[in-house]
Amino acid sequence: MICPKCGEEYEDDMQCCLWCDAPNPNYGRVEEAERKVGSVQKRNQGEINGFDYLEHSDEVDFAQRTSGYVVFKIAKFEFVKTVVGMLFCLGPFLFSVAAMFFVEELKSFWPLWLLVSVCFAICIFVLSRTVLAVKWYKDKFVLKTLYGETELSFDKSVFAEFGYEDDKGFSVCLKKGKWSFVLREKAFPEVTKMLCRIYDELNPKDLVLGENGSVYAEFKPLKRPVAMGWYIAAFLFNIFIGLGDILVSDSGNAAFAFLFAAVVLICAFYHLSDVFKIRWYKDKFVLCTRFGEKAFSFDKSELQKTKRDEKGALKFFFKKDRGSFVVDERVFPEVAAMMKTHYGVE
């Protein structure tokens, strides 16, 4: 809090200024707002009970036993795809090793075969780290791979990232120590859904007092926003490649490089409207994007449309100042739940 009289800074919850004893004009407003909207916006930060997120009645009955757990096995198609991928990588790996040591005509190209063997060995190792089963306990979950089991708890000691792409579905990346594990929706649909809800609830959403005395809750996405630096680097790289091809009179490669640069630029412009933060007020909400902050009321006239994807997740489309913005249920699950209530969407 900045004192309007002397300009010194002090804590927001203090009744008066420490330096000049001037009264705090915002004192008491947070408590008043919490009584009005806090019950909707604040989440229970207590201990997570993993059994509360199980949706199937037969699994819940089994899980309630003492020291019980529920086992989720990888989908058969994803398991077959992993095995086939390892076998596909094993063939070129063995061929490159044989070429380096046993085939006289190919020994002179050993740097090439060494590079190929290393690349396919890395691919085999990554595929071998695939999670084959998940044991779901009341207070933890265990990931089972070919190398054994790794125990993870429902707290912030486990770093989680969420990604969502139309062609790959929803995925959760879990990191513990030096190891990383990826759970994909196609392989573990129930587990990824439960982890999405749990880590969203663990994300603190305390009420914030704004500069003008207004109170809001701040929500961050489960999916990390796209880094624009990669798009800029790819665009400049292809521009330089195209200019270099023009200098050597290679018009075909130059046209391809400029075309690819244009595609990268279009993708970057598309992601400029990604929502990376939402501020939820009593009478409105604000979508924070790279174009700036856009405020929307709960009037249905500002809601352009709603749409469900093939997985059943709901998307809210808003349009303002010639810009379109999307709030995805998978990225902002709690905000989407409140929007369903305010807009009357089933």
Protein backbone atom coordinates (compact mmCIF):
# COMPACT_ATOMS: atom_id res chain seq x y z
CA MET A 1 0.00 0.00 0.00
CA ILE A 2 1.28 3.46 -0.95
CA CYS A 3 0.23 6.16 1.50
CA PRO A 4 -1.73 8.89 -0.36
CA LYS A 5 -0.45 11.51 2.10
CA CYS A 6 3.30 10.94 2.49
CA GLY A 7 3.95 8.49 -0.37
CA GLU A 8 5.64 5.85 1.78
CA GLU A 9 4.89 2.14 1.38
CA TYR A 10 3.44 -0.13 4.08
CA GLU A 11 1.46 -3.37 4.38
CA ASP A 12 -2.03 -3.50 2.81
CA ASP A 13 -3.69 -4.94 5.93
CA MET A 14 -2.52 -2.17 8.28
CA GLN A 15 -5.09 0.28 9.59
CA CYS A 16 -2.92 3.39 9.15
CA CYS A 17 0.40 4.55 7.73
CA LEU A 18 3.50 3.72 9.77
CA TRP A 19 5.14 7.03 8.90
CA CYS A 20 2.45 9.70 9.16
CA ASP A 21 -0.48 7.83 10.81
CA ALA A 22 -2.77 8.66 7.90
CA PRO A 23 -5.70 6.18 7.70
CA ASN A 24 -5.54 3.37 5.15
CA PRO A 25 -8.42 4.03 2.70
CA ASN A 26 -8.50 0.35 1.66
CA TYR A 27 -8.52 -1.07 5.20
CA GLY A 28 -11.36 -3.54 5.63
CA ARG A 29 -12.23 -3.82 1.96
CA VAL A 30 -10.58 -7.21 1.53
CA GLU A 31 -12.54 -8.66 4.46
CA GLU A 32 -15.76 -7.22 3.04
CA ALA A 33 -15.05 -8.66 -0.41
CA GLU A 34 -14.20 -12.08 1.03
CA ARG A 35 -17.64 -12.25 2.62
CA LYS A 36 -19.22 -11.55 -0.78
CA VAL A 37 -17.13 -13.50 -3.27
CA GLY A 38 -14.44 -15.37 -1.35
CA SER A 39 -16.52 -18.52 -1.00
CA VAL A 40 -16.63 -18.85 -4.80
CA GLN A 41 -13.03 -17.93 -5.60
CA LYS A 42 -10.92 -19.42 -2.82
CA ARG A 43 -10.04 -23.11 -2.87
CA ASN A 44 -9.47 -25.44 0.04
CA GLN A 45 -5.70 -25.68 0.54
CA GLY A 46 -5.96 -28.63 2.93
CA GLU A 47 -4.56 -32.11 2.46
CA ILE A 48 -5.40 -33.77 -0.86
CA ASN A 49 -7.27 -37.07 -0.64
CA GLY A 50 -6.60 -38.98 -3.87
CA PHE A 51 -9.68 -41.17 -3.42
CA ASP A 52 -11.95 -38.13 -3.70
CA TYR A 53 -11.07 -37.83 -7.39
CA LEU A 54 -11.99 -41.37 -8.40
CA GLU A 55 -15.17 -41.35 -10.46
CA HIS A 56 -15.94 -45.06 -10.95
CA SER A 57 -17.87 -46.69 -8.12
CA ASP A 58 -16.11 -50.06 -8.35
CA GLU A 59 -12.69 -48.39 -8.00
CA VAL A 60 -13.85 -46.29 -5.04
CA ASP A 61 -15.02 -49.42 -3.17
CA PHE A 62 -11.65 -51.09 -3.66
CA ALA A 63 -9.70 -47.95 -2.80
CA GLN A 64 -11.40 -47.49 0.56
CA ARG A 65 -9.70 -50.62 1.92
CA THR A 66 -6.84 -50.16 4.37
CA SER A 67 -3.61 -49.49 2.45
CA GLY A 68 -5.58 -50.02 -0.76
CA TYR A 69 -4.84 -48.52 -4.13
CA VAL A 70 -6.22 -48.43 -7.65
CA VAL A 71 -4.13 -49.57 -10.61
CA PHE A 72 -4.43 -47.78 -13.94
CA LYS A 73 -2.69 -49.60 -16.79
CA ILE A 74 -1.51 -47.98 -20.00
CA ALA A 75 -3.95 -48.20 -22.91
CA LYS A 76 -3.23 -51.22 -25.12
CA PHE A 77 -2.77 -49.17 -28.28
CA GLU A 78 -0.26 -46.86 -26.58
CA PHE A 79 1.62 -49.86 -25.18
CA VAL A 80 1.84 -51.48 -28.63
CA LYS A 81 2.96 -48.19 -30.14
CA THR A 82 5.76 -47.91 -27.56
CA VAL A 83 7.00 -51.47 -28.17
CA VAL A 84 6.89 -51.02 -31.95
CA GLY A 85 8.77 -47.75 -31.63
CA MET A 86 11.54 -49.40 -29.58
CA LEU A 87 11.87 -52.22 -32.12
CA PHE A 88 11.94 -49.72 -34.98
CA CYS A 89 14.80 -47.83 -33.29
CA LEU A 90 16.64 -51.03 -32.36
CA GLY A 91 17.14 -52.04 -36.02
CA PRO A 92 19.08 -48.93 -37.18
CA PHE A 93 21.00 -48.92 -33.88
CA LEU A 94 22.29 -52.48 -34.41
CA PHE A 95 23.04 -51.76 -38.09
CA SER A 96 25.09 -48.65 -37.24
CA VAL A 97 27.08 -50.57 -34.60
CA ALA A 98 27.75 -53.38 -37.05
CA ALA A 99 28.80 -50.88 -39.74
CA MET A 100 31.36 -49.30 -37.40
CA PHE A 101 33.03 -52.53 -36.23
CA PHE A 102 32.35 -55.35 -38.67
CA VAL A 103 31.76 -54.05 -42.23
CA GLU A 104 35.08 -53.10 -43.80
CA GLU A 105 33.55 -50.96 -46.58
CA LEU A 106 31.67 -48.82 -44.04
CA LYS A 107 34.27 -48.49 -41.28
CA SER A 108 35.67 -45.31 -42.83
CA PHE A 109 32.32 -43.59 -42.20
CA TRP A 110 32.44 -44.38 -38.48
CA PRO A 111 31.63 -40.76 -37.37
CA LEU A 112 28.33 -40.96 -39.25
CA TRP A 113 27.44 -44.38 -37.82
CA LEU A 114 28.43 -43.23 -34.34
CA LEU A 115 26.07 -40.26 -34.60
CA VAL A 116 23.25 -42.48 -35.88
CA SER A 117 23.76 -45.05 -33.12
CA VAL A 118 23.75 -42.38 -30.40
CA CYS A 119 20.54 -40.82 -31.73
CA PHE A 120 18.67 -44.13 -31.87
CA ALA A 121 20.06 -45.19 -28.48
CA ILE A 122 18.60 -42.01 -26.97
CA CYS A 123 15.25 -42.75 -28.64
CA ILE A 124 15.24 -46.28 -27.22
CA PHE A 125 16.04 -44.98 -23.73
CA VAL A 126 13.28 -42.35 -23.89
CA LEU A 127 10.71 -44.93 -25.02
CA SER A 128 11.86 -47.34 -22.30
CA ARG A 129 10.99 -44.63 -19.72
CA THR A 130 7.31 -44.87 -20.74
CA VAL A 131 4.99 -45.22 -17.76
CA LEU A 132 3.31 -48.62 -17.96
CA ALA A 133 1.02 -48.37 -14.93
CA VAL A 134 -0.02 -45.95 -12.19
CA LYS A 135 -0.85 -47.01 -8.64
CA TRP A 136 -3.26 -44.47 -7.13
CA TYR A 137 -3.24 -44.25 -3.33
CA LYS A 138 -5.08 -41.99 -0.91
CA ASP A 139 -2.06 -39.74 -0.27
CA LYS A 140 0.28 -40.46 -3.21
CA PHE A 141 0.62 -42.12 -6.61
CA VAL A 142 3.31 -44.42 -7.98
CA LEU A 143 4.56 -44.54 -11.57
CA LYS A 144 5.74 -47.93 -12.83
CA THR A 145 8.27 -48.20 -15.67
CA LEU A 146 10.73 -50.83 -16.91
CA TYR A 147 13.26 -49.41 -14.44
CA GLY A 148 11.07 -49.81 -11.37
CA GLU A 149 8.61 -47.63 -9.46
CA THR A 150 8.77 -43.92 -8.60
CA GLU A 151 6.63 -42.53 -5.78
CA LEU A 152 5.14 -39.04 -6.08
CA SER A 153 3.04 -37.08 -3.61
CA PHE A 154 0.18 -34.62 -4.04
CA ASP A 155 2.11 -31.45 -3.23
CA LYS A 156 4.25 -28.78 -4.80
CA SER A 157 7.44 -30.83 -4.36
CA VAL A 158 6.43 -32.43 -7.66
CA PHE A 159 6.76 -30.02 -10.56
CA ALA A 160 3.94 -30.45 -13.04
CA GLU A 161 3.45 -28.98 -16.50
CA PHE A 162 0.32 -29.37 -18.57
CA GLY A 163 0.15 -29.24 -22.34
CA TYR A 164 -2.73 -29.50 -24.77
CA GLU A 165 -2.47 -30.01 -28.51
CA ASP A 166 -5.29 -31.03 -30.84
CA ASP A 167 -3.37 -33.89 -32.43
CA LYS A 168 -1.80 -35.30 -29.25
CA GLY A 169 -4.41 -34.59 -26.60
CA PHE A 170 -3.80 -33.58 -23.02
CA SER A 171 -0.56 -34.51 -21.28
CA VAL A 172 1.05 -34.07 -17.86
CA CYS A 173 4.81 -33.80 -17.36
CA LEU A 174 5.99 -34.74 -13.87
CA LYS A 175 9.51 -34.12 -12.64
CA LYS A 176 11.13 -35.51 -9.52
CA GLY A 177 14.82 -35.04 -9.06
CA LYS A 178 16.62 -35.66 -12.35
CA TRP A 179 13.88 -37.85 -13.84
CA SER A 180 10.91 -36.73 -15.92
CA PHE A 181 7.74 -38.67 -16.68
CA VAL A 182 5.03 -37.87 -19.21
CA LEU A 183 1.46 -39.11 -18.82
CA ARG A 184 -0.61 -38.68 -21.97
CA GLU A 185 -4.38 -38.57 -22.05
CA LYS A 186 -4.56 -41.30 -24.67
CA ALA A 187 -2.53 -43.62 -22.44
CA PHE A 188 -3.99 -42.69 -19.01
CA PRO A 189 -7.24 -40.73 -19.47
CA GLU A 190 -8.44 -41.09 -15.84
CA VAL A 191 -5.08 -40.24 -14.25
CA THR A 192 -4.41 -37.14 -16.36
CA LYS A 193 -7.90 -35.83 -15.58
CA MET A 194 -7.43 -36.32 -11.83
CA LEU A 195 -3.98 -34.72 -11.81
CA CYS A 196 -5.35 -31.75 -13.74
CA ARG A 197 -7.94 -31.14 -11.00
CA ILE A 198 -5.50 -31.74 -8.12
CA TYR A 199 -2.72 -29.43 -9.31
CA ASP A 200 -5.28 -26.77 -10.15
CA GLU A 201 -6.53 -26.88 -6.55
CA LEU A 202 -2.98 -26.74 -5.20
CA ASN A 203 -2.34 -23.58 -7.18
CA PRO A 204 -2.99 -20.74 -4.65
CA LYS A 205 -5.73 -18.30 -5.62
CA ASP A 206 -5.75 -15.76 -2.81
CA LEU A 207 -7.77 -12.59 -3.21
CA VAL A 208 -5.70 -9.60 -4.32
CA LEU A 209 -6.35 -5.96 -3.47
CA GLY A 210 -5.92 -3.78 -6.56
CA GLU A 211 -4.56 -0.25 -6.68
CA ASN A 212 -8.04 1.28 -6.87
CA GLY A 213 -9.32 -0.77 -3.95
CA SER A 214 -11.03 -3.44 -6.08
CA VAL A 215 -10.60 -7.08 -5.10
CA TYR A 216 -9.99 -9.96 -7.50
CA ALA A 217 -8.75 -13.54 -7.64
CA GLU A 218 -5.91 -14.35 -10.02
CA PHE A 219 -5.88 -17.60 -12.00
CA LYS A 220 -2.89 -18.91 -13.94
CA PRO A 221 -3.16 -21.53 -16.73
CA LEU A 222 -2.27 -25.17 -16.26
CA LYS A 223 -0.69 -25.03 -19.70
CA ARG A 224 2.45 -22.92 -19.96
CA PRO A 225 2.03 -20.18 -22.61
CA VAL A 226 3.95 -20.55 -25.85
CA ALA A 227 7.38 -18.89 -25.74
CA MET A 228 7.43 -16.30 -28.50
CA GLY A 229 11.23 -16.28 -28.56
CA TRP A 230 11.32 -19.59 -30.45
CA TYR A 231 9.01 -18.21 -33.14
CA ILE A 232 11.11 -15.07 -33.51
CA ALA A 233 14.33 -17.11 -33.75
CA ALA A 234 12.80 -19.48 -36.34
CA PHE A 235 11.47 -16.55 -38.38
CA LEU A 236 14.83 -14.73 -38.45
CA PHE A 237 16.71 -17.97 -39.19
CA ASN A 238 14.60 -18.69 -42.27
CA ILE A 239 14.83 -15.08 -43.45
CA PHE A 240 18.63 -15.25 -43.29
CA ILE A 241 18.64 -18.63 -45.07
CA GLY A 242 16.42 -17.20 -47.80
CA LEU A 243 18.65 -14.15 -48.27
CA GLY A 244 21.70 -16.42 -48.43
CA ASP A 245 20.04 -18.54 -51.13
CA ILE A 246 19.27 -15.41 -53.13
CA LEU A 247 22.93 -14.38 -53.02
CA VAL A 248 23.95 -17.76 -54.49
CA SER A 249 21.11 -17.58 -57.06
CA ASP A 250 19.19 -20.51 -55.62
CA SER A 251 15.65 -19.19 -56.07
CA GLY A 252 13.93 -22.53 -55.24
CA ASN A 253 15.41 -22.88 -51.75
CA ALA A 254 14.94 -19.15 -51.14
CA ALA A 255 11.22 -19.38 -51.92
CA PHE A 256 10.86 -22.38 -49.61
CA ALA A 257 12.70 -20.56 -46.78
CA PHE A 258 10.53 -17.43 -47.13
CA LEU A 259 7.39 -19.58 -47.25
CA PHE A 260 8.37 -21.33 -44.04
CA ALA A 261 9.15 -17.96 -42.43
CA ALA A 262 5.64 -16.78 -43.36
CA VAL A 263 4.12 -19.90 -41.75
CA VAL A 264 6.10 -19.31 -38.57
CA LEU A 265 4.95 -15.68 -38.51
CA ILE A 266 1.29 -16.71 -38.86
CA CYS A 267 1.65 -19.24 -36.01
CA ALA A 268 3.28 -16.60 -33.82
CA PHE A 269 0.48 -14.13 -34.52
CA TYR A 270 -2.09 -16.83 -33.65
CA HIS A 271 -0.47 -17.41 -30.25
CA LEU A 272 -0.30 -13.70 -29.46
CA SER A 273 -3.91 -13.91 -28.28
CA ASP A 274 -3.20 -16.77 -25.83
CA VAL A 275 -4.57 -16.06 -22.36
CA PHE A 276 -1.77 -16.37 -19.78
CA LYS A 277 -3.68 -15.02 -16.76
CA ILE A 278 -7.28 -14.32 -15.70
CA ARG A 279 -8.36 -11.82 -13.06
CA TRP A 280 -11.78 -12.64 -11.61
CA TYR A 281 -13.76 -9.79 -10.07
CA LYS A 282 -17.22 -9.74 -8.51
CA ASP A 283 -18.86 -8.17 -11.58
CA LYS A 284 -16.38 -8.88 -14.40
CA PHE A 285 -13.27 -10.80 -15.41
CA VAL A 286 -10.11 -9.69 -17.23
CA LEU A 287 -8.20 -11.78 -19.78
CA CYS A 288 -4.48 -10.95 -19.81
CA THR A 289 -2.83 -11.50 -23.20
CA ARG A 290 0.18 -10.15 -25.09
CA PHE A 291 -2.20 -7.62 -26.69
CA GLY A 292 -2.96 -6.25 -23.24
CA GLU A 293 -5.79 -6.75 -20.76
CA LYS A 294 -9.36 -7.19 -22.01
CA ALA A 295 -12.25 -6.81 -19.54
CA PHE A 296 -15.52 -8.71 -20.02
CA SER A 297 -18.75 -8.60 -18.07
CA PHE A 298 -21.04 -11.53 -17.35
CA ASP A 299 -23.45 -10.33 -20.00
CA LYS A 300 -24.07 -13.02 -22.62
CA SER A 301 -23.71 -10.43 -25.38
CA GLU A 302 -19.92 -10.52 -24.90
CA LEU A 303 -19.81 -14.31 -25.16
CA GLN A 304 -19.39 -15.09 -28.86
CA LYS A 305 -19.96 -18.86 -28.65
CA THR A 306 -19.15 -22.04 -26.77
CA LYS A 307 -17.81 -25.24 -28.26
CA ARG A 308 -16.79 -28.67 -27.04
CA ASP A 309 -13.82 -30.49 -28.53
CA GLU A 310 -13.79 -34.18 -29.37
CA LYS A 311 -12.68 -34.96 -25.81
CA GLY A 312 -15.68 -33.13 -24.32
CA ALA A 313 -13.76 -30.12 -22.97
CA LEU A 314 -15.65 -26.83 -23.20
CA LYS A 315 -14.22 -23.68 -24.78
CA PHE A 316 -15.57 -20.15 -24.32
CA PHE A 317 -14.98 -17.74 -27.22
CA PHE A 318 -14.94 -13.99 -26.61
CA LYS A 319 -14.41 -11.17 -29.07
CA LYS A 320 -13.41 -7.58 -28.33
CA ASP A 321 -11.63 -4.82 -30.26
CA ARG A 322 -11.30 -7.05 -33.36
CA GLY A 323 -9.52 -9.70 -31.28
CA SER A 324 -10.75 -13.19 -30.44
CA PHE A 325 -9.88 -14.87 -27.14
CA VAL A 326 -10.48 -18.43 -25.92
CA VAL A 327 -10.86 -19.74 -22.38
CA ASP A 328 -10.26 -23.51 -22.49
CA GLU A 329 -11.67 -25.74 -19.75
CA ARG A 330 -8.50 -27.83 -19.83
CA VAL A 331 -6.28 -24.80 -19.34
CA PHE A 332 -8.48 -22.89 -16.85
CA PRO A 333 -10.73 -25.60 -15.32
CA GLU A 334 -11.87 -23.58 -12.30
CA VAL A 335 -12.62 -20.44 -14.32
CA ALA A 336 -14.53 -22.53 -16.85
CA ALA A 337 -16.61 -24.02 -14.03
CA MET A 338 -17.56 -20.52 -12.81
CA MET A 339 -18.31 -19.38 -16.37
CA LYS A 340 -20.70 -22.31 -16.78
CA THR A 341 -22.63 -21.02 -13.77
CA HIS A 342 -22.63 -17.35 -14.82
CA TYR A 343 -23.54 -17.99 -18.46
CA GLY A 344 -25.88 -20.91 -17.80
CA VAL A 345 -23.94 -23.36 -19.97
CA GLU A 346 -24.51 -27.06 -19.45
